[in-house]
C-alpha atoms as a PDB file:
ATOM      1  CA  MET A   1     -41.450  55.193 -25.272  1.00  0.00           C
ATOM      2  CA  LYS A   2     -42.171  53.663 -28.656  1.00  0.00           C
ATOM      3  CA  ILE A   3     -41.052  50.031 -28.819  1.00  0.00           C
ATOM      4  CA  LEU A   4     -41.052  47.748 -31.847  1.00  0.00           C
ATOM      5  CA  ILE A   5     -41.348  43.973 -31.334  1.00  0.00           C
ATOM      6  CA  THR A   6     -40.496  41.421 -34.011  1.00  0.00           C
ATOM      7  CA  GLY A   7     -42.225  38.117 -33.416  1.00  0.00           C
ATOM      8  CA  GLY A   8     -44.942  40.286 -31.941  1.00  0.00           C
ATOM      9  CA  LEU A   9     -47.715  37.668 -32.036  1.00  0.00           C
ATOM     10  CA  GLY A  10     -45.776  34.877 -30.320  1.00  0.00           C
ATOM     11  CA  PHE A  11     -46.186  33.784 -26.707  1.00  0.00           C
ATOM     12  CA  VAL A  12     -43.628  36.273 -25.390  1.00  0.00           C
ATOM     13  CA  GLY A  13     -44.315  39.004 -27.951  1.00  0.00           C
ATOM     14  CA  SER A  14     -48.078  39.181 -27.418  1.00  0.00           C
ATOM     15  CA  ASN A  15     -47.775  39.190 -23.629  1.00  0.00           C
ATOM     16  CA  LEU A  16     -45.005  41.770 -23.792  1.00  0.00           C
ATOM     17  CA  SER A  17     -47.238  44.006 -25.915  1.00  0.00           C
ATOM     18  CA  ASP A  18     -49.939  43.939 -23.216  1.00  0.00           C
ATOM     19  CA  TYR A  19     -47.336  44.571 -20.517  1.00  0.00           C
ATOM     20  CA  LEU A  20     -45.824  47.584 -22.303  1.00  0.00           C
ATOM     21  CA  LEU A  21     -49.222  49.090 -23.124  1.00  0.00           C
ATOM     22  CA  ASP A  22     -50.263  48.781 -19.481  1.00  0.00           C
ATOM     23  CA  LYS A  23     -47.161  50.779 -18.568  1.00  0.00           C
ATOM     24  CA  GLY A  24     -48.079  53.576 -20.962  1.00  0.00           C
ATOM     25  CA  HIS A  25     -45.698  52.778 -23.819  1.00  0.00           C
ATOM     26  CA  SER A  26     -46.536  52.636 -27.528  1.00  0.00           C
ATOM     27  CA  VAL A  27     -46.015  49.329 -29.326  1.00  0.00           C
ATOM     28  CA  ILE A  28     -45.403  48.387 -32.941  1.00  0.00           C
ATOM     29  CA  ALA A  29     -45.728  44.608 -33.319  1.00  0.00           C
ATOM     30  CA  VAL A  30     -44.489  42.846 -36.436  1.00  0.00           C
ATOM     31  CA  GLY A  31     -45.738  39.331 -37.183  1.00  0.00           C
ATOM     32  CA  ARG A  32     -46.416  36.938 -40.044  1.00  0.00           C
ATOM     33  CA  ALA A  33     -50.193  36.672 -39.609  1.00  0.00           C
ATOM     34  CA  ALA A  34     -52.253  38.748 -42.042  1.00  0.00           C
ATOM     35  CA  THR A  35     -54.181  40.436 -39.215  1.00  0.00           C
ATOM     36  CA  GLN A  36     -54.536  40.474 -35.455  1.00  0.00           C
ATOM     37  CA  LYS A  37     -57.710  41.256 -33.520  1.00  0.00           C
ATOM     38  CA  ARG A  38     -56.651  40.581 -29.918  1.00  0.00           C
ATOM     39  CA  ILE A  39     -55.264  44.045 -29.092  1.00  0.00           C
ATOM     40  CA  THR A  40     -57.204  47.180 -30.045  1.00  0.00           C
ATOM     41  CA  ALA A  41     -55.405  49.868 -28.018  1.00  0.00           C
ATOM     42  CA  ASP A  42     -54.778  53.251 -29.640  1.00  0.00           C
ATOM     43  CA  ARG A  43     -51.062  52.999 -28.862  1.00  0.00           C
ATOM     44  CA  TYR A  44     -50.748  49.629 -30.615  1.00  0.00           C
ATOM     45  CA  HIS A  45     -49.945  49.185 -34.291  1.00  0.00           C
ATOM     46  CA  TYR A  46     -49.634  45.831 -36.018  1.00  0.00           C
ATOM     47  CA  ILE A  47     -47.605  45.212 -39.184  1.00  0.00           C
ATOM     48  CA  SER A  48     -47.924  41.973 -41.140  1.00  0.00           C
ATOM     49  CA  ALA A  49     -44.583  41.089 -42.712  1.00  0.00           C
ATOM     50  CA  ASP A  50     -42.029  38.368 -43.369  1.00  0.00           C
ATOM     51  CA  THR A  51     -39.123  39.811 -41.410  1.00  0.00           C
ATOM     52  CA  THR A  52     -36.629  37.495 -43.120  1.00  0.00           C
ATOM     53  CA  GLN A  53     -37.164  39.699 -46.181  1.00  0.00           C
ATOM     54  CA  PRO A  54     -36.395  43.408 -46.515  1.00  0.00           C
ATOM     55  CA  GLY A  55     -39.542  45.451 -46.938  1.00  0.00           C
ATOM     56  CA  GLY A  56     -41.703  48.364 -45.930  1.00  0.00           C
ATOM     57  CA  TRP A  57     -41.873  47.107 -42.323  1.00  0.00           C
ATOM     58  CA  GLN A  58     -38.300  48.329 -41.868  1.00  0.00           C
ATOM     59  CA  GLU A  59     -39.429  51.957 -42.177  1.00  0.00           C
ATOM     60  CA  SER A  60     -40.976  51.701 -38.702  1.00  0.00           C
ATOM     61  CA  LEU A  61     -37.468  51.263 -37.265  1.00  0.00           C
ATOM     62  CA  ASN A  62     -36.612  54.873 -38.111  1.00  0.00           C
ATOM     63  CA  ASP A  63     -38.627  56.301 -35.215  1.00  0.00           C
ATOM     64  CA  VAL A  64     -38.477  54.007 -32.180  1.00  0.00           C
ATOM     65  CA  ASP A  65     -36.794  54.129 -28.797  1.00  0.00           C
ATOM     66  CA  ALA A  66     -36.214  50.394 -28.503  1.00  0.00           C
ATOM     67  CA  VAL A  67     -36.464  47.196 -30.509  1.00  0.00           C
ATOM     68  CA  VAL A  68     -37.227  43.811 -28.945  1.00  0.00           C
ATOM     69  CA  ASN A  69     -36.176  41.214 -31.492  1.00  0.00           C
ATOM     70  CA  LEU A  70     -38.018  37.935 -30.784  1.00  0.00           C
ATOM     71  CA  ALA A  71     -38.719  36.553 -34.252  1.00  0.00           C
ATOM     72  CA  GLY A  72     -37.770  32.945 -34.887  1.00  0.00           C
ATOM     73  CA  LYS A  73     -39.311  29.609 -35.797  1.00  0.00           C
ATOM     74  CA  SER A  74     -40.143  27.440 -32.776  1.00  0.00           C
ATOM     75  CA  ILE A  75     -37.511  24.845 -31.894  1.00  0.00           C
ATOM     76  CA  PHE A  76     -40.086  22.657 -30.134  1.00  0.00           C
ATOM     77  CA  LYS A  77     -40.733  20.085 -32.839  1.00  0.00           C
ATOM     78  CA  ARG A  78     -38.840  17.329 -34.636  1.00  0.00           C
ATOM     79  CA  TRP A  79     -36.108  18.817 -36.830  1.00  0.00           C
ATOM     80  CA  SER A  80     -35.605  17.955 -40.465  1.00  0.00           C
ATOM     81  CA  GLU A  81     -32.721  19.525 -42.356  1.00  0.00           C
ATOM     82  CA  SER A  82     -35.137  21.907 -44.052  1.00  0.00           C
ATOM     83  CA  TYR A  83     -36.692  22.892 -40.711  1.00  0.00           C
ATOM     84  CA  LYS A  84     -33.252  23.502 -39.196  1.00  0.00           C
ATOM     85  CA  LYS A  85     -32.650  25.946 -42.041  1.00  0.00           C
ATOM     86  CA  GLN A  86     -35.920  27.705 -41.154  1.00  0.00           C
ATOM     87  CA  ILE A  87     -34.855  27.908 -37.492  1.00  0.00           C
ATOM     88  CA  TYR A  88     -31.563  29.462 -38.562  1.00  0.00           C
ATOM     89  CA  ASP A  89     -32.812  31.810 -41.286  1.00  0.00           C
ATOM     90  CA  SER A  90     -35.784  33.120 -39.299  1.00  0.00           C
ATOM     91  CA  ARG A  91     -33.391  34.362 -36.619  1.00  0.00           C
ATOM     92  CA  ILE A  92     -30.320  35.442 -38.537  1.00  0.00           C
ATOM     93  CA  LEU A  93     -32.036  37.082 -41.511  1.00  0.00           C
ATOM     94  CA  THR A  94     -34.581  38.914 -39.344  1.00  0.00           C
ATOM     95  CA  THR A  95     -31.840  40.274 -37.095  1.00  0.00           C
ATOM     96  CA  ARG A  96     -29.762  41.313 -40.116  1.00  0.00           C
ATOM     97  CA  ASN A  97     -32.738  43.188 -41.588  1.00  0.00           C
ATOM     98  CA  VAL A  98     -33.465  44.900 -38.258  1.00  0.00           C
ATOM     99  CA  VAL A  99     -29.867  46.073 -37.851  1.00  0.00           C
ATOM    100  CA  ASN A 100     -29.596  47.232 -41.466  1.00  0.00           C
ATOM    101  CA  ALA A 101     -32.691  49.402 -41.052  1.00  0.00           C
ATOM    102  CA  LEU A 102     -31.827  50.978 -37.689  1.00  0.00           C
ATOM    103  CA  PRO A 103     -30.554  54.570 -37.970  1.00  0.00           C
ATOM    104  CA  ALA A 104     -26.995  55.215 -36.808  1.00  0.00           C
ATOM    105  CA  ASP A 105     -25.990  57.227 -33.745  1.00  0.00           C
ATOM    106  CA  GLN A 106     -29.447  57.285 -32.195  1.00  0.00           C
ATOM    107  CA  SER A 107     -30.449  56.559 -28.601  1.00  0.00           C
ATOM    108  CA  VAL A 108     -32.041  53.262 -29.622  1.00  0.00           C
ATOM    109  CA  VAL A 109     -31.481  50.029 -27.708  1.00  0.00           C
ATOM    110  CA  LEU A 110     -31.715  46.689 -29.464  1.00  0.00           C
ATOM    111  CA  CYS A 111     -32.799  43.871 -27.119  1.00  0.00           C
ATOM    112  CA  SER A 112     -32.218  40.800 -29.225  1.00  0.00           C
ATOM    113  CA  ALA A 113     -33.186  37.291 -28.181  1.00  0.00           C
ATOM    114  CA  SER A 114     -30.734  34.425 -28.044  1.00  0.00           C
ATOM    115  CA  GLY A 115     -30.875  31.199 -26.048  1.00  0.00           C
ATOM    116  CA  ALA A 116     -29.315  29.282 -23.198  1.00  0.00           C
ATOM    117  CA  GLY A 117     -28.523  26.744 -25.903  1.00  0.00           C
ATOM    118  CA  TYR A 118     -25.568  29.045 -26.630  1.00  0.00           C
ATOM    119  CA  TYR A 119     -23.641  27.126 -23.971  1.00  0.00           C
ATOM    120  CA  GLY A 120     -24.330  23.624 -25.285  1.00  0.00           C
ATOM    121  CA  ASN A 121     -24.607  20.630 -22.955  1.00  0.00           C
ATOM    122  CA  ARG A 122     -22.555  21.615 -19.897  1.00  0.00           C
ATOM    123  CA  GLY A 123     -23.526  19.221 -17.110  1.00  0.00           C
ATOM    124  CA  ASP A 124     -23.113  20.784 -13.664  1.00  0.00           C
ATOM    125  CA  ASP A 125     -20.960  23.740 -14.804  1.00  0.00           C
ATOM    126  CA  LEU A 126     -22.196  27.039 -13.371  1.00  0.00           C
ATOM    127  CA  LEU A 127     -22.735  29.243 -16.420  1.00  0.00           C
ATOM    128  CA  LYS A 128     -22.310  33.003 -16.231  1.00  0.00           C
ATOM    129  CA  GLU A 129     -22.420  35.175 -19.320  1.00  0.00           C
ATOM    130  CA  ASP A 130     -18.669  35.025 -19.960  1.00  0.00           C
ATOM    131  CA  GLU A 131     -18.608  31.235 -20.432  1.00  0.00           C
ATOM    132  CA  LYS A 132     -17.566  29.830 -23.806  1.00  0.00           C
ATOM    133  CA  PRO A 133     -20.232  28.633 -26.276  1.00  0.00           C
ATOM    134  CA  GLY A 134     -21.063  25.055 -27.167  1.00  0.00           C
ATOM    135  CA  THR A 135     -20.584  23.370 -30.530  1.00  0.00           C
ATOM    136  CA  ASP A 136     -23.975  21.838 -31.362  1.00  0.00           C
ATOM    137  CA  PHE A 137     -26.659  23.173 -33.710  1.00  0.00           C
ATOM    138  CA  LEU A 138     -28.442  25.500 -31.278  1.00  0.00           C
ATOM    139  CA  ALA A 139     -25.122  26.853 -30.032  1.00  0.00           C
ATOM    140  CA  SER A 140     -24.076  27.668 -33.598  1.00  0.00           C
ATOM    141  CA  VAL A 141     -27.433  29.362 -34.228  1.00  0.00           C
ATOM    142  CA  SER A 142     -27.045  31.452 -31.069  1.00  0.00           C
ATOM    143  CA  ILE A 143     -23.476  32.437 -31.940  1.00  0.00           C
ATOM    144  CA  ASP A 144     -24.459  33.699 -35.392  1.00  0.00           C
ATOM    145  CA  TRP A 145     -27.694  35.271 -34.067  1.00  0.00           C
ATOM    146  CA  GLU A 146     -25.781  37.296 -31.496  1.00  0.00           C
ATOM    147  CA  ALA A 147     -23.114  38.272 -34.029  1.00  0.00           C
ATOM    148  CA  GLU A 148     -25.769  39.770 -36.316  1.00  0.00           C
ATOM    149  CA  ALA A 149     -27.279  41.768 -33.439  1.00  0.00           C
ATOM    150  CA  LEU A 150     -23.892  43.059 -32.299  1.00  0.00           C
ATOM    151  CA  LYS A 151     -23.337  44.643 -35.709  1.00  0.00           C
ATOM    152  CA  ALA A 152     -25.649  47.399 -34.446  1.00  0.00           C
ATOM    153  CA  THR A 153     -22.814  48.521 -32.161  1.00  0.00           C
ATOM    154  CA  ASP A 154     -20.962  49.597 -35.324  1.00  0.00           C
ATOM    155  CA  LYS A 155     -23.767  52.157 -35.712  1.00  0.00           C
ATOM    156  CA  GLY A 156     -23.216  53.434 -32.182  1.00  0.00           C
ATOM    157  CA  LEU A 157     -26.290  51.668 -30.803  1.00  0.00           C
ATOM    158  CA  ARG A 158     -26.639  49.816 -27.504  1.00  0.00           C
ATOM    159  CA  VAL A 159     -27.246  46.067 -27.822  1.00  0.00           C
ATOM    160  CA  ALA A 160     -28.440  43.625 -25.173  1.00  0.00           C
ATOM    161  CA  LEU A 161     -28.393  39.898 -25.958  1.00  0.00           C
ATOM    162  CA  MET A 162     -31.106  38.036 -24.049  1.00  0.00           C
ATOM    163  CA  ARG A 163     -30.144  34.369 -23.642  1.00  0.00           C
ATOM    164  CA  PHE A 164     -33.549  32.902 -22.859  1.00  0.00           C
ATOM    165  CA  GLY A 165     -34.061  29.846 -20.745  1.00  0.00           C
ATOM    166  CA  VAL A 166     -37.450  28.095 -20.879  1.00  0.00           C
ATOM    167  CA  ILE A 167     -40.185  30.656 -20.248  1.00  0.00           C
ATOM    168  CA  LEU A 168     -42.944  29.732 -17.788  1.00  0.00           C
ATOM    169  CA  GLY A 169     -46.250  31.565 -18.077  1.00  0.00           C
ATOM    170  CA  LYS A 170     -49.998  31.135 -18.372  1.00  0.00           C
ATOM    171  CA  ASP A 171     -51.602  29.854 -21.572  1.00  0.00           C
ATOM    172  CA  GLY A 172     -48.389  29.124 -23.410  1.00  0.00           C
ATOM    173  CA  GLY A 173     -44.746  28.157 -23.218  1.00  0.00           C
ATOM    174  CA  ALA A 174     -43.385  24.889 -21.862  1.00  0.00           C
ATOM    175  CA  LEU A 175     -45.926  24.414 -19.069  1.00  0.00           C
ATOM    176  CA  ALA A 176     -48.841  24.542 -21.497  1.00  0.00           C
ATOM    177  CA  LYS A 177     -47.476  21.319 -23.005  1.00  0.00           C
ATOM    178  CA  MET A 178     -46.596  19.705 -19.667  1.00  0.00           C
ATOM    179  CA  ILE A 179     -49.650  20.419 -17.516  1.00  0.00           C
ATOM    180  CA  PRO A 180     -52.124  18.258 -19.518  1.00  0.00           C
ATOM    181  CA  ALA A 181     -49.806  15.236 -19.152  1.00  0.00           C
ATOM    182  CA  PHE A 182     -49.576  15.700 -15.387  1.00  0.00           C
ATOM    183  CA  LYS A 183     -53.333  16.167 -15.080  1.00  0.00           C
ATOM    184  CA  SER A 184     -53.724  12.857 -16.920  1.00  0.00           C
ATOM    185  CA  PHE A 185     -51.360  11.135 -14.447  1.00  0.00           C
ATOM    186  CA  VAL A 186     -48.615  10.564 -17.035  1.00  0.00           C
ATOM    187  CA  GLY A 187     -46.216  13.333 -16.021  1.00  0.00           C
ATOM    188  CA  GLY A 188     -42.664  12.901 -14.833  1.00  0.00           C
ATOM    189  CA  PRO A 189     -39.015  13.765 -15.415  1.00  0.00           C
ATOM    190  CA  ILE A 190     -37.322  13.556 -18.811  1.00  0.00           C
ATOM    191  CA  GLY A 191     -34.434  11.122 -19.093  1.00  0.00           C
ATOM    192  CA  SER A 192     -32.496  10.849 -15.840  1.00  0.00           C
ATOM    193  CA  GLY A 193     -34.045  14.097 -14.596  1.00  0.00           C
ATOM    194  CA  SER A 194     -30.627  15.229 -13.368  1.00  0.00           C
ATOM    195  CA  GLN A 195     -30.084  17.756 -16.173  1.00  0.00           C
ATOM    196  CA  TRP A 196     -30.253  21.412 -15.190  1.00  0.00           C
ATOM    197  CA  PHE A 197     -33.238  23.303 -16.517  1.00  0.00           C
ATOM    198  CA  PRO A 198     -32.745  27.064 -17.090  1.00  0.00           C
ATOM    199  CA  TRP A 199     -36.111  28.756 -16.622  1.00  0.00           C
ATOM    200  CA  MET A 200     -37.670  32.186 -16.102  1.00  0.00           C
ATOM    201  CA  HIS A 201     -41.192  33.307 -15.270  1.00  0.00           C
ATOM    202  CA  LEU A 202     -42.778  35.385 -18.035  1.00  0.00           C
ATOM    203  CA  THR A 203     -43.476  38.286 -15.658  1.00  0.00           C
ATOM    204  CA  ASP A 204     -39.786  38.506 -14.735  1.00  0.00           C
ATOM    205  CA  LEU A 205     -38.777  38.288 -18.382  1.00  0.00           C
ATOM    206  CA  MET A 206     -40.996  41.217 -19.341  1.00  0.00           C
ATOM    207  CA  ALA A 207     -39.846  43.259 -16.349  1.00  0.00           C
ATOM    208  CA  ALA A 208     -36.225  42.525 -17.252  1.00  0.00           C
ATOM    209  CA  ILE A 209     -36.739  43.813 -20.799  1.00  0.00           C
ATOM    210  CA  VAL A 210     -38.155  47.101 -19.500  1.00  0.00           C
ATOM    211  CA  PHE A 211     -35.290  47.238 -16.976  1.00  0.00           C
ATOM    212  CA  ILE A 212     -32.733  46.937 -19.790  1.00  0.00           C
ATOM    213  CA  VAL A 213     -34.431  49.573 -21.912  1.00  0.00           C
ATOM    214  CA  GLU A 214     -34.461  52.008 -18.984  1.00  0.00           C
ATOM    215  CA  GLN A 215     -30.896  51.313 -17.772  1.00  0.00           C
ATOM    216  CA  PRO A 216     -28.403  52.741 -20.306  1.00  0.00           C
ATOM    217  CA  GLN A 217     -25.445  50.970 -18.694  1.00  0.00           C
ATOM    218  CA  VAL A 218     -26.814  47.480 -19.422  1.00  0.00           C
ATOM    219  CA  ASN A 219     -25.520  45.843 -22.602  1.00  0.00           C
ATOM    220  CA  GLY A 220     -24.005  42.682 -24.021  1.00  0.00           C
ATOM    221  CA  PRO A 221     -25.069  39.123 -23.196  1.00  0.00           C
ATOM    222  CA  LEU A 222     -27.469  38.526 -20.303  1.00  0.00           C
ATOM    223  CA  ASN A 223     -28.765  35.191 -19.056  1.00  0.00           C
ATOM    224  CA  PHE A 224     -32.554  35.456 -19.009  1.00  0.00           C
ATOM    225  CA  CYS A 225     -33.173  32.866 -16.327  1.00  0.00           C
ATOM    226  CA  ALA A 226     -34.115  32.731 -12.661  1.00  0.00           C
ATOM    227  CA  PRO A 227     -31.337  32.930 -10.042  1.00  0.00           C
ATOM    228  CA  ASN A 228     -32.173  29.412  -8.805  1.00  0.00           C
ATOM    229  CA  PRO A 229     -31.906  26.931 -11.678  1.00  0.00           C
ATOM    230  CA  ALA A 230     -33.684  23.632 -11.135  1.00  0.00           C
ATOM    231  CA  ARG A 231     -32.944  20.102 -12.225  1.00  0.00           C
ATOM    232  CA  ASN A 232     -35.549  18.581 -14.512  1.00  0.00           C
ATOM    233  CA  ARG A 233     -36.545  16.172 -11.745  1.00  0.00           C
ATOM    234  CA  GLU A 234     -37.250  19.093  -9.385  1.00  0.00           C
ATOM    235  CA  LEU A 235     -39.394  20.760 -12.047  1.00  0.00           C
ATOM    236  CA  ALA A 236     -41.454  17.589 -12.505  1.00  0.00           C
ATOM    237  CA  ASN A 237     -41.861  16.966  -8.781  1.00  0.00           C
ATOM    238  CA  THR A 238     -42.845  20.573  -8.115  1.00  0.00           C
ATOM    239  CA  LEU A 239     -45.358  20.629 -10.955  1.00  0.00           C
ATOM    240  CA  GLY A 240     -46.869  17.381  -9.690  1.00  0.00           C
ATOM    241  CA  GLU A 241     -47.056  18.741  -6.155  1.00  0.00           C
ATOM    242  CA  VAL A 242     -48.746  21.990  -7.202  1.00  0.00           C
ATOM    243  CA  LEU A 243     -51.241  20.133  -9.417  1.00  0.00           C
ATOM    244  CA  GLY A 244     -51.867  17.425  -6.832  1.00  0.00           C
ATOM    245  CA  ARG A 245     -50.702  14.751  -9.258  1.00  0.00           C
ATOM    246  CA  PRO A 246     -47.898  12.192  -9.115  1.00  0.00           C
ATOM    247  CA  ALA A 247     -44.689  12.683 -11.100  1.00  0.00           C
ATOM    248  CA  PHE A 248     -43.643   9.067 -11.479  1.00  0.00           C
ATOM    249  CA  MET A 249     -43.841   8.531 -15.258  1.00  0.00           C
ATOM    250  CA  PRO A 250     -40.336   9.319 -16.550  1.00  0.00           C
ATOM    251  CA  ALA A 251     -39.730   9.581 -20.289  1.00  0.00           C
ATOM    252  CA  PRO A 252     -36.587   7.488 -20.952  1.00  0.00           C
ATOM    253  CA  ALA A 253     -33.811   9.179 -22.915  1.00  0.00           C
ATOM    254  CA  PHE A 254     -33.869   6.555 -25.680  1.00  0.00           C
ATOM    255  CA  MET A 255     -37.591   7.165 -26.182  1.00  0.00           C
ATOM    256  CA  ILE A 256     -37.153  10.941 -26.315  1.00  0.00           C
ATOM    257  CA  ARG A 257     -34.450  10.581 -28.976  1.00  0.00           C
ATOM    258  CA  ALA A 258     -36.466   8.013 -30.928  1.00  0.00           C
ATOM    259  CA  VAL A 259     -39.576  10.189 -31.037  1.00  0.00           C
ATOM    260  CA  LEU A 260     -38.020  13.643 -31.356  1.00  0.00           C
ATOM    261  CA  GLY A 261     -34.731  12.938 -33.111  1.00  0.00           C
ATOM    262  CA  GLU A 262     -32.041  15.593 -32.785  1.00  0.00           C
ATOM    263  CA  PHE A 263     -34.406  17.952 -30.969  1.00  0.00           C
ATOM    264  CA  GLY A 264     -34.702  15.373 -28.198  1.00  0.00           C
ATOM    265  CA  ASN A 265     -31.154  16.229 -27.127  1.00  0.00           C
ATOM    266  CA  VAL A 266     -32.338  19.741 -26.278  1.00  0.00           C
ATOM    267  CA  LEU A 267     -34.612  18.297 -23.593  1.00  0.00           C
ATOM    268  CA  LEU A 268     -31.828  16.074 -22.246  1.00  0.00           C
ATOM    269  CA  ASP A 269     -29.019  18.659 -22.291  1.00  0.00           C
ATOM    270  CA  SER A 270     -28.013  20.496 -19.118  1.00  0.00           C
ATOM    271  CA  GLN A 271     -27.438  24.247 -18.725  1.00  0.00           C
ATOM    272  CA  ARG A 272     -26.986  25.516 -15.177  1.00  0.00           C
ATOM    273  CA  THR A 273     -27.216  29.202 -16.058  1.00  0.00           C
ATOM    274  CA  ILE A 274     -27.458  32.038 -13.567  1.00  0.00           C
ATOM    275  CA  PRO A 275     -28.425  35.679 -14.312  1.00  0.00           C
ATOM    276  CA  ASP A 276     -25.167  37.124 -13.049  1.00  0.00           C
ATOM    277  CA  LYS A 277     -25.332  40.387 -15.024  1.00  0.00           C
ATOM    278  CA  LEU A 278     -29.000  41.120 -14.322  1.00  0.00           C
ATOM    279  CA  LEU A 279     -28.357  40.650 -10.604  1.00  0.00           C
ATOM    280  CA  SER A 280     -25.189  42.745 -10.655  1.00  0.00           C
ATOM    281  CA  HIS A 281     -27.130  45.602 -12.261  1.00  0.00           C
ATOM    282  CA  GLY A 282     -29.746  45.419  -9.497  1.00  0.00           C
ATOM    283  CA  PHE A 283     -32.631  43.630 -11.174  1.00  0.00           C
ATOM    284  CA  GLU A 284     -34.983  42.023  -8.646  1.00  0.00           C
ATOM    285  CA  PHE A 285     -36.850  38.824  -9.471  1.00  0.00           C
ATOM    286  CA  ARG A 286     -40.471  38.437  -8.479  1.00  0.00           C
ATOM    287  CA  TYR A 287     -40.266  34.658  -8.963  1.00  0.00           C
ATOM    288  CA  PRO A 288     -36.756  33.513  -7.997  1.00  0.00           C
ATOM    289  CA  ASP A 289     -37.622  29.863  -7.241  1.00  0.00           C
ATOM    290  CA  ILE A 290     -39.379  27.195  -9.294  1.00  0.00           C
ATOM    291  CA  LYS A 291     -42.232  26.549  -6.836  1.00  0.00           C
ATOM    292  CA  SER A 292     -43.403  30.162  -6.677  1.00  0.00           C
ATOM    293  CA  ALA A 293     -43.221  30.397 -10.466  1.00  0.00           C
ATOM    294  CA  ILE A 294     -45.265  27.245 -11.051  1.00  0.00           C
ATOM    295  CA  GLN A 295     -47.825  28.239  -8.424  1.00  0.00           C
ATOM    296  CA  ALA A 296     -48.264  31.584 -10.168  1.00  0.00           C
ATOM    297  CA  VAL A 297     -48.838  29.876 -13.529  1.00  0.00           C
ATOM    298  CA  VAL A 298     -51.210  27.175 -12.260  1.00  0.00           C
ATOM    299  CA  SER A 299     -53.276  29.368  -9.921  1.00  0.00           C
END
């Protein structure tokens, strides 16, 4: 298959490119960098483009079997009003441009990213894909992001909405920021540590994307998270155990909010999501529990 990836040079996009190439697929990666030199495979083509703007990059969408739409500014930094606009526009405008360029009535599947933030702060509620959305900033972004992707159904195309939890993998993602703190003996839970932490190992995420592309009956929203969500405290304790370091340095909620502002609430919010639809369609997780996932990353 020929698969186009927006956000193709990000943590997920670059690893997904390697994964797809290893499985014999052809990849078109679209990113903002002028060039890329990491991948040199014959079946790999890189396009430098600002996907929030219409342009020549859209022509590549005329001849693909699947699109994996990952483009979006990172949420993992302090938000100003101008940066919140970049978070929003990078997702909504890119998705709009992808959908506008896709040909109608073709056997193309659009796998478009969204986030577990769709649900807002939900405490101990068990969140399947049919739960109502939240009302905060990230929830509103996810609602509009998904709405843009679903416009592809008006063209007769299949759309899968991937509501990502926090992705755990080597050399990037959340653990890349956490591991140095634990190795320096200053790791621990965030806030009370009781908030649920939706997570997924990168290997399972990539396998789930291929699973969706190959299973024509899979569509609509899907929680991209492991079947065993963990509380933040369990994540910290497990990471400390695997690294052989203590996990006794909590970051108080007031400090998180003081340092990170509105973004700090993202780290303190609770989403107890489960991948109900992936499981019902028969997807099997390689890393269903937090300890096996962390061991695989740290090893």
